[in-house]
PDB file of all heavy atoms in Angstrom:
ATOM      1  N   LEU A   1       0.851  -1.190   0.000  1.00  0.00           N
ATOM      2  CA  LEU A   1       0.000   0.000   0.000  1.00  0.00           C
ATOM      3  C   LEU A   1       0.885   1.237   0.000  1.00  0.00           C
ATOM      4  O   LEU A   1       1.752   1.393   0.860  1.00  0.00           O
ATOM      5  CB  LEU A   1      -0.903  -0.005   1.233  1.00  0.00           C
ATOM      6  CG  LEU A   1      -1.851   1.192   1.397  1.00  0.00           C
ATOM      7  CD1 LEU A   1      -2.881   1.226   0.268  1.00  0.00           C
ATOM      8  CD2 LEU A   1      -2.541   1.131   2.750  1.00  0.00           C
ATOM      9  N   GLU A   2       0.683   2.125  -0.973  1.00  0.00           N
ATOM     10  CA  GLU A   2       1.528   3.312  -1.105  1.00  0.00           C
ATOM     11  C   GLU A   2       0.685   4.558  -1.359  1.00  0.00           C
ATOM     12  O   GLU A   2      -0.342   4.501  -2.043  1.00  0.00           O
ATOM     13  CB  GLU A   2       2.530   3.143  -2.257  1.00  0.00           C
ATOM     14  CG  GLU A   2       3.552   2.047  -2.017  1.00  0.00           C
ATOM     15  CD  GLU A   2       4.540   1.909  -3.154  1.00  0.00           C
ATOM     16  OE1 GLU A   2       4.214   2.291  -4.292  1.00  0.00           O
ATOM     17  OE2 GLU A   2       5.649   1.409  -2.913  1.00  0.00           O
ATOM     18  N   LEU A   3       1.138   5.657  -0.794  1.00  0.00           N
ATOM     19  CA  LEU A   3       0.527   6.954  -1.060  1.00  0.00           C
ATOM     20  C   LEU A   3       1.483   7.752  -1.931  1.00  0.00           C
ATOM     21  O   LEU A   3       2.619   8.009  -1.538  1.00  0.00           O
ATOM     22  CB  LEU A   3       0.260   7.706   0.252  1.00  0.00           C
ATOM     23  CG  LEU A   3      -0.333   9.109   0.105  1.00  0.00           C
ATOM     24  CD1 LEU A   3      -1.722   9.045  -0.511  1.00  0.00           C
ATOM     25  CD2 LEU A   3      -0.399   9.804   1.464  1.00  0.00           C
ATOM     26  N   HIS A   4       1.030   8.120  -3.124  1.00  0.00           N
ATOM     27  CA  HIS A   4       1.860   8.882  -4.051  1.00  0.00           C
ATOM     28  C   HIS A   4       1.408  10.338  -4.068  1.00  0.00           C
ATOM     29  O   HIS A   4       0.224  10.640  -3.897  1.00  0.00           O
ATOM     30  CB  HIS A   4       1.752   8.318  -5.474  1.00  0.00           C
ATOM     31  CG  HIS A   4       2.502   7.044  -5.662  1.00  0.00           C
ATOM     32  ND1 HIS A   4       3.783   6.989  -6.171  1.00  0.00           N
ATOM     33  CD2 HIS A   4       2.161   5.760  -5.385  1.00  0.00           C
ATOM     34  CE1 HIS A   4       4.186   5.731  -6.214  1.00  0.00           C
ATOM     35  NE2 HIS A   4       3.227   4.974  -5.741  1.00  0.00           N
ATOM     36  N   LEU A   5       2.366  11.230  -4.277  1.00  0.00           N
ATOM     37  CA  LEU A   5       2.042  12.633  -4.479  1.00  0.00           C
ATOM     38  C   LEU A   5       2.212  12.907  -5.963  1.00  0.00           C
ATOM     39  O   LEU A   5       3.317  12.848  -6.504  1.00  0.00           O
ATOM     40  CB  LEU A   5       2.984  13.532  -3.656  1.00  0.00           C
ATOM     41  CG  LEU A   5       2.547  14.977  -3.476  1.00  0.00           C
ATOM     42  CD1 LEU A   5       1.242  15.041  -2.679  1.00  0.00           C
ATOM     43  CD2 LEU A   5       3.621  15.773  -2.745  1.00  0.00           C
ATOM     44  N   TYR A   6       1.110  13.174  -6.652  1.00  0.00           N
ATOM     45  CA  TYR A   6       1.136  13.354  -8.092  1.00  0.00           C
ATOM     46  C   TYR A   6       1.672  14.742  -8.471  1.00  0.00           C
ATOM     47  O   TYR A   6       1.803  15.617  -7.597  1.00  0.00           O
ATOM     48  CB  TYR A   6      -0.253  13.119  -8.669  1.00  0.00           C
ATOM     49  CG  TYR A   6      -0.705  11.691  -8.497  1.00  0.00           C
ATOM     50  CD1 TYR A   6      -1.693  11.354  -7.574  1.00  0.00           C
ATOM     51  CD2 TYR A   6      -0.110  10.674  -9.237  1.00  0.00           C
ATOM     52  CE1 TYR A   6      -2.082  10.027  -7.400  1.00  0.00           C
ATOM     53  CE2 TYR A   6      -0.505   9.356  -9.072  1.00  0.00           C
ATOM     54  CZ  TYR A   6      -1.479   9.035  -8.154  1.00  0.00           C
ATOM     55  OH  TYR A   6      -1.848   7.730  -7.979  1.00  0.00           O
ATOM     56  N   PRO A   7       1.993  14.969  -9.753  1.00  0.00           N
ATOM     57  CA  PRO A   7       2.589  16.250 -10.162  1.00  0.00           C
ATOM     58  C   PRO A   7       1.792  17.477  -9.740  1.00  0.00           C
ATOM     59  O   PRO A   7       2.366  18.528  -9.485  1.00  0.00           O
ATOM     60  CB  PRO A   7       2.666  16.119 -11.685  1.00  0.00           C
ATOM     61  CG  PRO A   7       2.826  14.647 -11.925  1.00  0.00           C
ATOM     62  CD  PRO A   7       1.962  14.000 -10.871  1.00  0.00           C
ATOM     63  N   ASN A   8       0.454  17.357  -9.649  1.00  0.00           N
ATOM     64  CA  ASN A   8      -0.368  18.505  -9.222  1.00  0.00           C
ATOM     65  C   ASN A   8      -0.504  18.569  -7.708  1.00  0.00           C
ATOM     66  O   ASN A   8      -1.304  19.337  -7.179  1.00  0.00           O
ATOM     67  CB  ASN A   8      -1.754  18.421  -9.865  1.00  0.00           C
ATOM     68  CG  ASN A   8      -2.516  17.174  -9.448  1.00  0.00           C
ATOM     69  OD1 ASN A   8      -2.019  16.340  -8.698  1.00  0.00           O
ATOM     70  ND2 ASN A   8      -3.737  17.045  -9.943  1.00  0.00           N
ATOM     71  N   ARG A   9       0.290  17.712  -7.012  1.00  0.00           N
ATOM     72  CA  ARG A   9       0.346  17.642  -5.547  1.00  0.00           C
ATOM     73  C   ARG A   9      -0.880  16.983  -4.920  1.00  0.00           C
ATOM     74  O   ARG A   9      -1.035  17.004  -3.702  1.00  0.00           O
ATOM     75  CB  ARG A   9       0.610  19.019  -4.916  1.00  0.00           C
ATOM     76  CG  ARG A   9       1.946  19.616  -5.308  1.00  0.00           C
ATOM     77  CD  ARG A   9       2.296  20.836  -4.464  1.00  0.00           C
ATOM     78  NE  ARG A   9       3.580  21.379  -4.854  1.00  0.00           N
ATOM     79  CZ  ARG A   9       4.758  20.924  -4.451  1.00  0.00           C
ATOM     80  NH1 ARG A   9       4.801  19.916  -3.633  1.00  0.00           N
ATOM     81  NH2 ARG A   9       5.885  21.472  -4.858  1.00  0.00           N
ATOM     82  N   ASP A  10      -1.748  16.407  -5.727  1.00  0.00           N
ATOM     83  CA  ASP A  10      -2.853  15.633  -5.179  1.00  0.00           C
ATOM     84  C   ASP A  10      -2.331  14.264  -4.738  1.00  0.00           C
ATOM     85  O   ASP A  10      -1.568  13.624  -5.467  1.00  0.00           O
ATOM     86  CB  ASP A  10      -3.951  15.423  -6.229  1.00  0.00           C
ATOM     87  CG  ASP A  10      -4.787  16.672  -6.436  1.00  0.00           C
ATOM     88  OD1 ASP A  10      -4.759  17.546  -5.550  1.00  0.00           O
ATOM     89  OD2 ASP A  10      -5.448  16.775  -7.488  1.00  0.00           O
ATOM     90  N   PRO A  11      -2.733  13.791  -3.555  1.00  0.00           N
ATOM     91  CA  PRO A  11      -2.300  12.461  -3.124  1.00  0.00           C
ATOM     92  C   PRO A  11      -3.157  11.384  -3.785  1.00  0.00           C
ATOM     93  O   PRO A  11      -4.327  11.602  -4.102  1.00  0.00           O
ATOM     94  CB  PRO A  11      -2.538  12.494  -1.606  1.00  0.00           C
ATOM     95  CG  PRO A  11      -3.661  13.475  -1.431  1.00  0.00           C
ATOM     96  CD  PRO A  11      -3.497  14.504  -2.530  1.00  0.00           C
ATOM     97  N   GLY A  12      -2.572  10.235  -4.025  1.00  0.00           N
ATOM     98  CA  GLY A  12      -3.307   9.127  -4.611  1.00  0.00           C
ATOM     99  C   GLY A  12      -2.818   7.799  -4.060  1.00  0.00           C
ATOM    100  O   GLY A  12      -1.609   7.579  -3.928  1.00  0.00           O
ATOM    101  N   TRP A  13      -3.743   6.914  -3.720  1.00  0.00           N
ATOM    102  CA  TRP A  13      -3.397   5.621  -3.145  1.00  0.00           C
ATOM    103  C   TRP A  13      -3.310   4.562  -4.234  1.00  0.00           C
ATOM    104  O   TRP A  13      -4.075   4.566  -5.192  1.00  0.00           O
ATOM    105  CB  TRP A  13      -4.452   5.207  -2.122  1.00  0.00           C
ATOM    106  CG  TRP A  13      -4.397   6.000  -0.854  1.00  0.00           C
ATOM    107  CD1 TRP A  13      -5.124   7.108  -0.548  1.00  0.00           C
ATOM    108  CD2 TRP A  13      -3.560   5.744   0.269  1.00  0.00           C
ATOM    109  NE1 TRP A  13      -4.794   7.556   0.717  1.00  0.00           N
ATOM    110  CE2 TRP A  13      -3.834   6.747   1.235  1.00  0.00           C
ATOM    111  CE3 TRP A  13      -2.599   4.775   0.564  1.00  0.00           C
ATOM    112  CZ2 TRP A  13      -3.197   6.793   2.470  1.00  0.00           C
ATOM    113  CZ3 TRP A  13      -1.955   4.825   1.794  1.00  0.00           C
ATOM    114  CH2 TRP A  13      -2.254   5.812   2.724  1.00  0.00           C
ATOM    115  N   CYS A  14      -2.392   3.628  -4.041  1.00  0.00           N
ATOM    116  CA  CYS A  14      -2.254   2.526  -4.988  1.00  0.00           C
ATOM    117  C   CYS A  14      -1.671   1.308  -4.278  1.00  0.00           C
ATOM    118  O   CYS A  14      -1.127   1.407  -3.169  1.00  0.00           O
ATOM    119  CB  CYS A  14      -1.386   2.922  -6.176  1.00  0.00           C
ATOM    120  SG  CYS A  14       0.291   3.378  -5.725  1.00  0.00           S
ATOM    121  N   LEU A  15      -1.786   0.167  -4.926  1.00  0.00           N
ATOM    122  CA  LEU A  15      -1.170  -1.072  -4.465  1.00  0.00           C
ATOM    123  C   LEU A  15      -0.107  -1.464  -5.481  1.00  0.00           C
ATOM    124  O   LEU A  15      -0.391  -1.577  -6.677  1.00  0.00           O
ATOM    125  CB  LEU A  15      -2.213  -2.188  -4.338  1.00  0.00           C
ATOM    126  CG  LEU A  15      -3.237  -2.042  -3.207  1.00  0.00           C
ATOM    127  CD1 LEU A  15      -4.283  -3.139  -3.311  1.00  0.00           C
ATOM    128  CD2 LEU A  15      -2.561  -2.082  -1.852  1.00  0.00           C
ATOM    129  N   THR A  16       1.121  -1.653  -5.005  1.00  0.00           N
ATOM    130  CA  THR A  16       2.255  -1.903  -5.895  1.00  0.00           C
ATOM    131  C   THR A  16       2.779  -3.322  -5.720  1.00  0.00           C
ATOM    132  O   THR A  16       2.881  -3.830  -4.604  1.00  0.00           O
ATOM    133  CB  THR A  16       3.383  -0.901  -5.605  1.00  0.00           C
ATOM    134  OG1 THR A  16       2.914   0.424  -5.883  1.00  0.00           O
ATOM    135  CG2 THR A  16       4.604  -1.188  -6.473  1.00  0.00           C
ATOM    136  N   ARG A  17       3.105  -3.943  -6.843  1.00  0.00           N
ATOM    137  CA  ARG A  17       3.694  -5.281  -6.840  1.00  0.00           C
ATOM    138  C   ARG A  17       4.920  -5.274  -7.749  1.00  0.00           C
ATOM    139  O   ARG A  17       4.857  -4.780  -8.876  1.00  0.00           O
ATOM    140  CB  ARG A  17       2.665  -6.308  -7.317  1.00  0.00           C
ATOM    141  CG  ARG A  17       3.182  -7.733  -7.396  1.00  0.00           C
ATOM    142  CD  ARG A  17       2.064  -8.717  -7.712  1.00  0.00           C
ATOM    143  NE  ARG A  17       1.074  -8.745  -6.642  1.00  0.00           N
ATOM    144  CZ  ARG A  17       0.106  -9.658  -6.567  1.00  0.00           C
ATOM    145  NH1 ARG A  17      -0.002 -10.588  -7.493  1.00  0.00           N
ATOM    146  NH2 ARG A  17      -0.761  -9.631  -5.579  1.00  0.00           N
ATOM    147  N   LYS A  18       6.038  -5.815  -7.268  1.00  0.00           N
ATOM    148  CA  LYS A  18       7.273  -5.886  -8.060  1.00  0.00           C
ATOM    149  C   LYS A  18       7.848  -7.298  -7.956  1.00  0.00           C
ATOM    150  O   LYS A  18       7.892  -7.873  -6.859  1.00  0.00           O
ATOM    151  CB  LYS A  18       8.307  -4.876  -7.561  1.00  0.00           C
ATOM    152  CG  LYS A  18       7.898  -3.417  -7.715  1.00  0.00           C
ATOM    153  CD  LYS A  18       8.967  -2.469  -7.190  1.00  0.00           C
ATOM    154  CE  LYS A  18       8.533  -1.014  -7.336  1.00  0.00           C
ATOM    155  NZ  LYS A  18       9.559  -0.069  -6.803  1.00  0.00           N
ATOM    156  N   VAL A  19       8.301  -7.826  -9.088  1.00  0.00           N
ATOM    157  CA  VAL A  19       8.890  -9.167  -9.116  1.00  0.00           C
ATOM    158  C   VAL A  19      10.210  -9.120  -9.887  1.00  0.00           C
ATOM    159  O   VAL A  19      10.358  -8.371 -10.860  1.00  0.00           O
ATOM    160  CB  VAL A  19       7.946 -10.202  -9.762  1.00  0.00           C
ATOM    161  CG1 VAL A  19       6.668 -10.335  -8.950  1.00  0.00           C
ATOM    162  CG2 VAL A  19       7.618  -9.818 -11.199  1.00  0.00           C
ATOM    163  N   ALA A  20      11.161  -9.923  -9.443  1.00  0.00           N
ATOM    164  CA  ALA A  20      12.449 -10.010 -10.124  1.00  0.00           C
ATOM    165  C   ALA A  20      12.306 -10.790 -11.424  1.00  0.00           C
ATOM    166  O   ALA A  20      11.505 -11.730 -11.517  1.00  0.00           O
ATOM    167  CB  ALA A  20      13.467 -10.680  -9.219  1.00  0.00           C
ATOM    168  N   LEU A  21      13.064 -10.396 -12.435  1.00  0.00           N
ATOM    169  CA  LEU A  21      13.128 -11.111 -13.709  1.00  0.00           C
ATOM    170  C   LEU A  21      14.451 -11.869 -13.773  1.00  0.00           C
ATOM    171  O   LEU A  21      15.509 -11.289 -13.503  1.00  0.00           O
ATOM    172  CB  LEU A  21      13.028 -10.132 -14.882  1.00  0.00           C
ATOM    173  CG  LEU A  21      11.747  -9.295 -14.948  1.00  0.00           C
ATOM    174  CD1 LEU A  21      11.838  -8.298 -16.097  1.00  0.00           C
ATOM    175  CD2 LEU A  21      10.526 -10.184 -15.109  1.00  0.00           C
ATOM    176  N   ARG A  22      14.394 -13.140 -14.143  1.00  0.00           N
ATOM    177  CA  ARG A  22      15.605 -13.983 -14.139  1.00  0.00           C
ATOM    178  C   ARG A  22      15.888 -14.548 -15.528  1.00  0.00           C
ATOM    179  O   ARG A  22      14.968 -14.762 -16.325  1.00  0.00           O
ATOM    180  CB  ARG A  22      15.437 -15.128 -13.132  1.00  0.00           C
ATOM    181  CG  ARG A  22      15.236 -14.631 -11.695  1.00  0.00           C
ATOM    182  CD  ARG A  22      14.971 -15.775 -10.723  1.00  0.00           C
ATOM    183  NE  ARG A  22      14.715 -15.286  -9.375  1.00  0.00           N
ATOM    184  CZ  ARG A  22      15.645 -15.058  -8.458  1.00  0.00           C
ATOM    185  NH1 ARG A  22      16.923 -15.328  -8.755  1.00  0.00           N
ATOM    186  NH2 ARG A  22      15.337 -14.604  -7.264  1.00  0.00           N
ATOM    187  N   ASP A  23      17.167 -14.797 -15.807  1.00  0.00           N
ATOM    188  CA  ASP A  23      17.535 -15.425 -17.075  1.00  0.00           C
ATOM    189  C   ASP A  23      17.442 -16.939 -16.932  1.00  0.00           C
ATOM    190  O   ASP A  23      17.023 -17.465 -15.888  1.00  0.00           O
ATOM    191  CB  ASP A  23      18.925 -14.972 -17.531  1.00  0.00           C
ATOM    192  CG  ASP A  23      20.039 -15.388 -16.563  1.00  0.00           C
ATOM    193  OD1 ASP A  23      19.796 -16.263 -15.702  1.00  0.00           O
ATOM    194  OD2 ASP A  23      21.151 -14.834 -16.670  1.00  0.00           O
ATOM    195  N   ALA A  24      17.833 -17.651 -17.964  1.00  0.00           N
ATOM    196  CA  ALA A  24      17.691 -19.107 -17.960  1.00  0.00           C
ATOM    197  C   ALA A  24      18.503 -19.775 -16.862  1.00  0.00           C
ATOM    198  O   ALA A  24      18.162 -20.859 -16.387  1.00  0.00           O
ATOM    199  CB  ALA A  24      18.106 -19.660 -19.331  1.00  0.00           C
ATOM    200  N   ALA A  25      19.572 -19.101 -16.425  1.00  0.00           N
ATOM    201  CA  ALA A  25      20.421 -19.664 -15.374  1.00  0.00           C
ATOM    202  C   ALA A  25      19.945 -19.284 -13.975  1.00  0.00           C
ATOM    203  O   ALA A  25      20.522 -19.705 -12.978  1.00  0.00           O
ATOM    204  CB  ALA A  25      21.872 -19.206 -15.567  1.00  0.00           C
ATOM    205  N   GLY A  26      18.893 -18.459 -13.907  1.00  0.00           N
ATOM    206  CA  GLY A  26      18.365 -18.072 -12.604  1.00  0.00           C
ATOM    207  C   GLY A  26      18.895 -16.769 -12.058  1.00  0.00           C
ATOM    208  O   GLY A  26      18.495 -16.347 -10.963  1.00  0.00           O
ATOM    209  N   ALA A  27      19.795 -16.113 -12.810  1.00  0.00           N
ATOM    210  CA  ALA A  27      20.343 -14.837 -12.346  1.00  0.00           C
ATOM    211  C   ALA A  27      19.330 -13.717 -12.559  1.00  0.00           C
ATOM    212  O   ALA A  27      18.622 -13.697 -13.576  1.00  0.00           O
ATOM    213  CB  ALA A  27      21.637 -14.514 -13.093  1.00  0.00           C
ATOM    214  N   ILE A  28      19.258 -12.783 -11.607  1.00  0.00           N
ATOM    215  CA  ILE A  28      18.335 -11.661 -11.728  1.00  0.00           C
ATOM    216  C   ILE A  28      18.878 -10.660 -12.740  1.00  0.00           C
ATOM    217  O   ILE A  28      20.012 -10.186 -12.619  1.00  0.00           O
ATOM    218  CB  ILE A  28      18.127 -10.978 -10.364  1.00  0.00           C
ATOM    219  CG1 ILE A  28      17.416 -11.942  -9.403  1.00  0.00           C
ATOM    220  CG2 ILE A  28      17.300  -9.694 -10.512  1.00  0.00           C
ATOM    221  CD1 ILE A  28      17.245 -11.408  -8.005  1.00  0.00           C
ATOM    222  N   VAL A  29      18.065 -10.331 -13.743  1.00  0.00           N
ATOM    223  CA  VAL A  29      18.508  -9.436 -14.814  1.00  0.00           C
ATOM    224  C   VAL A  29      17.659  -8.161 -14.878  1.00  0.00           C
ATOM    225  O   VAL A  29      17.917  -7.275 -15.688  1.00  0.00           O
ATOM    226  CB  VAL A  29      18.466 -10.147 -16.178  1.00  0.00           C
ATOM    227  CG1 VAL A  29      19.492 -11.280 -16.214  1.00  0.00           C
ATOM    228  CG2 VAL A  29      17.067 -10.681 -16.480  1.00  0.00           C
ATOM    229  N   GLY A  30      16.646  -8.070 -14.044  1.00  0.00           N
ATOM    230  CA  GLY A  30      15.785  -6.888 -14.049  1.00  0.00           C
ATOM    231  C   GLY A  30      14.591  -7.131 -13.154  1.00  0.00           C
ATOM    232  O   GLY A  30      14.568  -8.088 -12.370  1.00  0.00           O
ATOM    233  N   LEU A  31      13.621  -6.271 -13.263  1.00  0.00           N
ATOM    234  CA  LEU A  31      12.387  -6.464 -12.507  1.00  0.00           C
ATOM    235  C   LEU A  31      11.216  -5.902 -13.307  1.00  0.00           C
ATOM    236  O   LEU A  31      11.393  -5.068 -14.199  1.00  0.00           O
ATOM    237  CB  LEU A  31      12.463  -5.819 -11.126  1.00  0.00           C
ATOM    238  CG  LEU A  31      12.545  -4.296 -10.991  1.00  0.00           C
ATOM    239  CD1 LEU A  31      11.165  -3.633 -11.043  1.00  0.00           C
ATOM    240  CD2 LEU A  31      13.195  -3.915  -9.676  1.00  0.00           C
ATOM    241  N   SER A  32      10.037  -6.376 -12.970  1.00  0.00           N
ATOM    242  CA  SER A  32       8.818  -5.869 -13.581  1.00  0.00           C
ATOM    243  C   SER A  32       7.814  -5.611 -12.473  1.00  0.00           C
ATOM    244  O   SER A  32       7.882  -6.226 -11.401  1.00  0.00           O
ATOM    245  CB  SER A  32       8.254  -6.887 -14.579  1.00  0.00           C
ATOM    246  OG  SER A  32       7.106  -6.372 -15.222  1.00  0.00           O
ATOM    247  N   GLY A  33       6.900  -4.687 -12.734  1.00  0.00           N
ATOM    248  CA  GLY A  33       5.931  -4.388 -11.694  1.00  0.00           C
ATOM    249  C   GLY A  33       4.687  -3.709 -12.223  1.00  0.00           C
ATOM    250  O   GLY A  33       4.642  -3.242 -13.360  1.00  0.00           O
ATOM    251  N   VAL A  34       3.680  -3.698 -11.369  1.00  0.00           N
ATOM    252  CA  VAL A  34       2.448  -2.974 -11.638  1.00  0.00           C
ATOM    253  C   VAL A  34       2.078  -2.201 -10.387  1.00  0.00           C
ATOM    254  O   VAL A  34       2.411  -2.585  -9.266  1.00  0.00           O
ATOM    255  CB  VAL A  34       1.279  -3.918 -12.037  1.00  0.00           C
ATOM    256  CG1 VAL A  34       1.528  -4.563 -13.370  1.00  0.00           C
ATOM    257  CG2 VAL A  34       1.029  -4.949 -10.953  1.00  0.00           C
ATOM    258  N   SER A  35       1.390  -1.104 -10.592  1.00  0.00           N
ATOM    259  CA  SER A  35       0.889  -0.285  -9.486  1.00  0.00           C
ATOM    260  C   SER A  35      -0.550   0.078  -9.823  1.00  0.00           C
ATOM    261  O   SER A  35      -0.800   0.793 -10.786  1.00  0.00           O
ATOM    262  CB  SER A  35       1.747   0.974  -9.320  1.00  0.00           C
ATOM    263  OG  SER A  35       1.298   1.749  -8.226  1.00  0.00           O
ATOM    264  N   ARG A  36      -1.497  -0.448  -9.036  1.00  0.00           N
ATOM    265  CA  ARG A  36      -2.917  -0.267  -9.330  1.00  0.00           C
ATOM    266  C   ARG A  36      -3.501   0.846  -8.472  1.00  0.00           C
ATOM    267  O   ARG A  36      -3.408   0.819  -7.246  1.00  0.00           O
ATOM    268  CB  ARG A  36      -3.691  -1.565  -9.054  1.00  0.00           C
ATOM    269  CG  ARG A  36      -3.307  -2.717  -9.942  1.00  0.00           C
ATOM    270  CD  ARG A  36      -4.186  -3.938  -9.665  1.00  0.00           C
ATOM    271  NE  ARG A  36      -3.892  -4.526  -8.356  1.00  0.00           N
ATOM    272  CZ  ARG A  36      -4.752  -4.578  -7.356  1.00  0.00           C
ATOM    273  NH1 ARG A  36      -5.968  -4.061  -7.484  1.00  0.00           N
ATOM    274  NH2 ARG A  36      -4.426  -5.149  -6.212  1.00  0.00           N
ATOM    275  N   ASP A  37      -4.080   1.841  -9.131  1.00  0.00           N
ATOM    276  CA  ASP A  37      -4.815   2.859  -8.387  1.00  0.00           C
ATOM    277  C   ASP A  37      -6.004   2.192  -7.706  1.00  0.00           C
ATOM    278  O   ASP A  37      -6.664   1.335  -8.297  1.00  0.00           O
ATOM    279  CB  ASP A  37      -5.317   3.964  -9.328  1.00  0.00           C
ATOM    280  CG  ASP A  37      -4.175   4.788  -9.907  1.00  0.00           C
ATOM    281  OD1 ASP A  37      -3.096   4.796  -9.289  1.00  0.00           O
ATOM    282  OD2 ASP A  37      -4.371   5.388 -10.973  1.00  0.00           O
ATOM    283  N   LEU A  38      -6.263   2.575  -6.478  1.00  0.00           N
ATOM    284  CA  LEU A  38      -7.375   1.968  -5.763  1.00  0.00           C
ATOM    285  C   LEU A  38      -8.691   2.442  -6.347  1.00  0.00           C
ATOM    286  O   LEU A  38      -8.965   3.643  -6.430  1.00  0.00           O
ATOM    287  CB  LEU A  38      -7.299   2.314  -4.273  1.00  0.00           C
ATOM    288  CG  LEU A  38      -6.170   1.594  -3.522  1.00  0.00           C
ATOM    289  CD1 LEU A  38      -6.140   2.019  -2.068  1.00  0.00           C
ATOM    290  CD2 LEU A  38      -6.333   0.082  -3.619  1.00  0.00           C
ATOM    291  N   ALA A  39      -9.505   1.473  -6.746  1.00  0.00           N
ATOM    292  CA  ALA A  39     -10.757   1.778  -7.420  1.00  0.00           C
ATOM    293  C   ALA A  39     -11.878   2.024  -6.413  1.00  0.00           C
ATOM    294  O   ALA A  39     -11.737   1.804  -5.217  1.00  0.00           O
ATOM    295  CB  ALA A  39     -11.138   0.619  -8.340  1.00  0.00           C
ATOM    296  N   MET A  40     -13.014   2.490  -6.933  1.00  0.00           N
ATOM    297  CA  MET A  40     -14.197   2.632  -6.103  1.00  0.00           C
ATOM    298  C   MET A  40     -14.665   1.249  -5.654  1.00  0.00           C
ATOM    299  O   MET A  40     -14.443   0.247  -6.321  1.00  0.00           O
ATOM    300  CB  MET A  40     -15.307   3.318  -6.894  1.00  0.00           C
ATOM    301  CG  MET A  40     -14.999   4.757  -7.279  1.00  0.00           C
ATOM    302  SD  MET A  40     -14.885   5.842  -5.843  1.00  0.00           S
ATOM    303  CE  MET A  40     -16.610   5.880  -5.347  1.00  0.00           C
ATOM    304  N   ALA A  41     -15.331   1.208  -4.519  1.00  0.00           N
ATOM    305  CA  ALA A  41     -15.815  -0.059  -3.991  1.00  0.00           C
ATOM    306  C   ALA A  41     -16.860  -0.673  -4.922  1.00  0.00           C
ATOM    307  O   ALA A  41     -17.607   0.037  -5.599  1.00  0.00           O
ATOM    308  CB  ALA A  41     -16.430   0.153  -2.612  1.00  0.00           C
ATOM    309  N   ASP A  42     -16.888  -2.008  -4.933  1.00  0.00           N
ATOM    310  CA  ASP A  42     -17.866  -2.741  -5.738  1.00  0.00           C
ATOM    311  C   ASP A  42     -19.185  -2.803  -4.971  1.00  0.00           C
ATOM    312  O   ASP A  42     -19.462  -3.761  -4.247  1.00  0.00           O
ATOM    313  CB  ASP A  42     -17.341  -4.147  -6.033  1.00  0.00           C
ATOM    314  CG  ASP A  42     -18.328  -4.976  -6.839  1.00  0.00           C
ATOM    315  OD1 ASP A  42     -19.291  -4.388  -7.375  1.00  0.00           O
ATOM    316  OD2 ASP A  42     -18.138  -6.194  -6.919  1.00  0.00           O
ATOM    317  N   GLN A  43     -20.031  -1.789  -5.136  1.00  0.00           N
ATOM    318  CA  GLN A  43     -21.262  -1.708  -4.369  1.00  0.00           C
ATOM    319  C   GLN A  43     -22.317  -2.719  -4.843  1.00  0.00           C
ATOM    320  O   GLN A  43     -23.340  -2.891  -4.172  1.00  0.00           O
ATOM    321  CB  GLN A  43     -21.823  -0.290  -4.428  1.00  0.00           C
ATOM    322  CG  GLN A  43     -20.874   0.734  -3.828  1.00  0.00           C
ATOM    323  CD  GLN A  43     -21.484   2.120  -3.754  1.00  0.00           C
ATOM    324  OE1 GLN A  43     -22.690   2.273  -3.782  1.00  0.00           O
ATOM    325  NE2 GLN A  43     -20.636   3.133  -3.649  1.00  0.00           N
ATOM    326  N   LYS A  44     -22.090  -3.383  -5.956  1.00  0.00           N
ATOM    327  CA  LYS A  44     -23.043  -4.386  -6.437  1.00  0.00           C
ATOM    328  C   LYS A  44     -22.852  -5.725  -5.747  1.00  0.00           C
ATOM    329  O   LYS A  44     -23.713  -6.607  -5.840  1.00  0.00           O
ATOM    330  CB  LYS A  44     -22.889  -4.558  -7.959  1.00  0.00           C
ATOM    331  CG  LYS A  44     -23.244  -3.307  -8.752  1.00  0.00           C
ATOM    332  CD  LYS A  44     -23.068  -3.547 -10.247  1.00  0.00           C
ATOM    333  CE  LYS A  44     -23.411  -2.303 -11.047  1.00  0.00           C
ATOM    334  NZ  LYS A  44     -23.213  -2.510 -12.505  1.00  0.00           N
TER     335      LYS A  44
END
């Protein structure tokens, strides 16, 4: 759970996930991730 301060200084909440990327030998060569803005509740 993260609180970001956007360029217009408005705060915004999101959930961030990051995972390591590995080559065929298992060595870490980078990472990939997503950060989801928290949506409105599912009132249905």
